[in-house]
Amino acid sequence: MPSESERVTIRLPPDKVKALHQLVKGGTYSTISDAIRAAIDRFIDIQFSPDYIRKLMIELPKGNVVDLQQLVKSGDSVSVEDAVRNAVREYVRRRLDKAMEGAEK
């Protein structure tokens, strides 16, 4: 973390604080502050992404996530995000090809 920082105080409902404690206890983050900083970093990245990029947050069934992680482990993709991008790109390409075939008839 940068040596200069500003303290910001927020109020959170108890269920959110409990969830943050669980993330720390589970080892996902070292401190609650680290978890909040990570969330803010992600929020800012999404809000200020370049105009030619649209960042999305998606929810997938756990089984699909496990499958995507397996693709990464096997070297098929460099990250889960990359695997999702490739899947979307391929889906859109197929749909456009199908639409073009229909327009030619």
C-alpha atoms as a PDB file:
ATOM      1  CA  MET A   1       0.000   0.000   0.000  1.00  0.00           C
ATOM      2  CA  PRO A   2       1.292   3.513  -0.745  1.00  0.00           C
ATOM      3  CA  SER A   3       2.971   5.275   2.163  1.00  0.00           C
ATOM      4  CA  GLU A   4       0.492   8.120   1.936  1.00  0.00           C
ATOM      5  CA  SER A   5      -3.131   7.293   2.451  1.00  0.00           C
ATOM      6  CA  GLU A   6      -6.237   8.908   3.797  1.00  0.00           C
ATOM      7  CA  ARG A   7      -8.504   7.373   6.377  1.00  0.00           C
ATOM      8  CA  VAL A   8     -12.114   6.989   5.303  1.00  0.00           C
ATOM      9  CA  THR A   9     -14.763   5.816   7.725  1.00  0.00           C
ATOM     10  CA  ILE A  10     -17.803   3.876   6.509  1.00  0.00           C
ATOM     11  CA  ARG A  11     -20.743   2.231   8.176  1.00  0.00           C
ATOM     12  CA  LEU A  12     -21.671  -1.296   7.130  1.00  0.00           C
ATOM     13  CA  PRO A  13     -24.546  -3.544   8.130  1.00  0.00           C
ATOM     14  CA  PRO A  14     -23.591  -6.383  10.479  1.00  0.00           C
ATOM     15  CA  ASP A  15     -24.034  -9.057   7.802  1.00  0.00           C
ATOM     16  CA  LYS A  16     -21.472  -7.337   5.563  1.00  0.00           C
ATOM     17  CA  VAL A  17     -18.989  -7.032   8.449  1.00  0.00           C
ATOM     18  CA  LYS A  18     -19.519 -10.717   9.237  1.00  0.00           C
ATOM     19  CA  ALA A  19     -18.838 -11.617   5.593  1.00  0.00           C
ATOM     20  CA  LEU A  20     -15.640  -9.546   5.647  1.00  0.00           C
ATOM     21  CA  HIS A  21     -14.506 -11.324   8.830  1.00  0.00           C
ATOM     22  CA  GLN A  22     -15.139 -14.667   7.093  1.00  0.00           C
ATOM     23  CA  LEU A  23     -12.953 -13.611   4.151  1.00  0.00           C
ATOM     24  CA  VAL A  24     -10.146 -12.741   6.561  1.00  0.00           C
ATOM     25  CA  LYS A  25     -10.624 -15.896   8.643  1.00  0.00           C
ATOM     26  CA  GLY A  26     -10.628 -18.006   5.464  1.00  0.00           C
ATOM     27  CA  GLY A  27      -7.334 -16.481   4.387  1.00  0.00           C
ATOM     28  CA  THR A  28      -8.654 -14.706   1.303  1.00  0.00           C
ATOM     29  CA  TYR A  29      -7.482 -11.370   2.718  1.00  0.00           C
ATOM     30  CA  SER A  30      -5.070 -10.466   5.515  1.00  0.00           C
ATOM     31  CA  THR A  31      -7.301  -7.796   7.003  1.00  0.00           C
ATOM     32  CA  ILE A  32     -10.758  -6.340   6.559  1.00  0.00           C
ATOM     33  CA  SER A  33      -9.102  -3.192   5.239  1.00  0.00           C
ATOM     34  CA  ASP A  34      -7.371  -5.260   2.528  1.00  0.00           C
ATOM     35  CA  ALA A  35     -10.713  -6.779   1.512  1.00  0.00           C
ATOM     36  CA  ILE A  36     -12.377  -3.374   1.328  1.00  0.00           C
ATOM     37  CA  ARG A  37      -9.453  -1.915  -0.650  1.00  0.00           C
ATOM     38  CA  ALA A  38      -9.675  -4.815  -3.125  1.00  0.00           C
ATOM     39  CA  ALA A  39     -13.407  -4.215  -3.555  1.00  0.00           C
ATOM     40  CA  ILE A  40     -12.866  -0.505  -4.106  1.00  0.00           C
ATOM     41  CA  ASP A  41     -10.040  -1.192  -6.585  1.00  0.00           C
ATOM     42  CA  ARG A  42     -12.313  -3.502  -8.572  1.00  0.00           C
ATOM     43  CA  PHE A  43     -15.174  -1.001  -8.487  1.00  0.00           C
ATOM     44  CA  ILE A  44     -12.922   1.798  -9.751  1.00  0.00           C
ATOM     45  CA  ASP A  45     -11.439  -0.450 -12.479  1.00  0.00           C
ATOM     46  CA  ILE A  46     -14.946  -1.242 -13.721  1.00  0.00           C
ATOM     47  CA  GLN A  47     -16.174   2.350 -13.539  1.00  0.00           C
ATOM     48  CA  PHE A  48     -13.134   3.816 -15.290  1.00  0.00           C
ATOM     49  CA  SER A  49     -12.374   1.183 -17.914  1.00  0.00           C
ATOM     50  CA  PRO A  50     -11.565   2.518 -21.408  1.00  0.00           C
ATOM     51  CA  ASP A  51     -14.531   3.269 -23.685  1.00  0.00           C
ATOM     52  CA  TYR A  52     -13.689   0.319 -25.948  1.00  0.00           C
ATOM     53  CA  ILE A  53     -13.901  -2.133 -23.024  1.00  0.00           C
ATOM     54  CA  ARG A  54     -17.053  -2.993 -21.131  1.00  0.00           C
ATOM     55  CA  LYS A  55     -16.298  -4.818 -17.902  1.00  0.00           C
ATOM     56  CA  LEU A  56     -19.051  -7.063 -16.601  1.00  0.00           C
ATOM     57  CA  MET A  57     -19.584  -8.989 -13.442  1.00  0.00           C
ATOM     58  CA  ILE A  58     -21.298 -12.300 -14.077  1.00  0.00           C
ATOM     59  CA  GLU A  59     -22.585 -15.057 -11.858  1.00  0.00           C
ATOM     60  CA  LEU A  60     -21.922 -18.632 -12.914  1.00  0.00           C
ATOM     61  CA  PRO A  61     -22.925 -21.912 -11.336  1.00  0.00           C
ATOM     62  CA  LYS A  62     -20.086 -23.331  -9.260  1.00  0.00           C
ATOM     63  CA  GLY A  63     -19.773 -26.308 -11.612  1.00  0.00           C
ATOM     64  CA  ASN A  64     -19.058 -23.995 -14.539  1.00  0.00           C
ATOM     65  CA  VAL A  65     -16.431 -22.153 -12.519  1.00  0.00           C
ATOM     66  CA  VAL A  66     -14.758 -25.446 -11.613  1.00  0.00           C
ATOM     67  CA  ASP A  67     -14.780 -26.423 -15.309  1.00  0.00           C
ATOM     68  CA  LEU A  68     -13.236 -23.078 -16.256  1.00  0.00           C
ATOM     69  CA  GLN A  69     -10.561 -23.458 -13.579  1.00  0.00           C
ATOM     70  CA  GLN A  70      -9.763 -26.892 -15.002  1.00  0.00           C
ATOM     71  CA  LEU A  71      -9.309 -25.364 -18.463  1.00  0.00           C
ATOM     72  CA  VAL A  72      -6.829 -22.927 -16.955  1.00  0.00           C
ATOM     73  CA  LYS A  73      -4.944 -25.720 -15.154  1.00  0.00           C
ATOM     74  CA  SER A  74      -4.740 -27.725 -18.375  1.00  0.00           C
ATOM     75  CA  GLY A  75      -3.263 -24.742 -20.195  1.00  0.00           C
ATOM     76  CA  ASP A  76      -6.265 -24.120 -22.439  1.00  0.00           C
ATOM     77  CA  SER A  77      -6.595 -20.561 -21.090  1.00  0.00           C
ATOM     78  CA  VAL A  78      -4.361 -18.256 -19.114  1.00  0.00           C
ATOM     79  CA  SER A  79      -7.125 -17.310 -16.657  1.00  0.00           C
ATOM     80  CA  VAL A  80     -10.789 -17.914 -15.934  1.00  0.00           C
ATOM     81  CA  GLU A  81     -11.501 -14.450 -17.343  1.00  0.00           C
ATOM     82  CA  ASP A  82      -9.667 -15.370 -20.550  1.00  0.00           C
ATOM     83  CA  ALA A  83     -11.672 -18.601 -20.840  1.00  0.00           C
ATOM     84  CA  VAL A  84     -14.927 -16.650 -20.466  1.00  0.00           C
ATOM     85  CA  ARG A  85     -13.807 -14.077 -23.068  1.00  0.00           C
ATOM     86  CA  ASN A  86     -12.938 -16.892 -25.493  1.00  0.00           C
ATOM     87  CA  ALA A  87     -16.278 -18.612 -24.901  1.00  0.00           C
ATOM     88  CA  VAL A  88     -18.223 -15.395 -25.480  1.00  0.00           C
ATOM     89  CA  ARG A  89     -16.182 -14.557 -28.591  1.00  0.00           C
ATOM     90  CA  GLU A  90     -16.833 -18.028 -30.033  1.00  0.00           C
ATOM     91  CA  TYR A  91     -20.552 -17.889 -29.177  1.00  0.00           C
ATOM     92  CA  VAL A  92     -20.953 -14.489 -30.848  1.00  0.00           C
ATOM     93  CA  ARG A  93     -19.008 -15.642 -33.913  1.00  0.00           C
ATOM     94  CA  ARG A  94     -21.237 -18.722 -34.297  1.00  0.00           C
ATOM     95  CA  ARG A  95     -24.419 -16.689 -33.875  1.00  0.00           C
ATOM     96  CA  LEU A  96     -23.285 -14.109 -36.425  1.00  0.00           C
ATOM     97  CA  ASP A  97     -22.325 -16.852 -38.890  1.00  0.00           C
ATOM     98  CA  LYS A  98     -25.749 -18.434 -38.425  1.00  0.00           C
ATOM     99  CA  ALA A  99     -27.488 -15.095 -38.931  1.00  0.00           C
ATOM    100  CA  MET A 100     -25.473 -14.441 -42.090  1.00  0.00           C
ATOM    101  CA  GLU A 101     -26.414 -17.868 -43.471  1.00  0.00           C
ATOM    102  CA  GLY A 102     -30.080 -17.077 -42.822  1.00  0.00           C
ATOM    103  CA  ALA A 103     -29.783 -13.697 -44.540  1.00  0.00           C
ATOM    104  CA  GLU A 104     -28.235 -15.289 -47.645  1.00  0.00           C
ATOM    105  CA  LYS A 105     -31.239 -17.617 -48.177  1.00  0.00           C
END
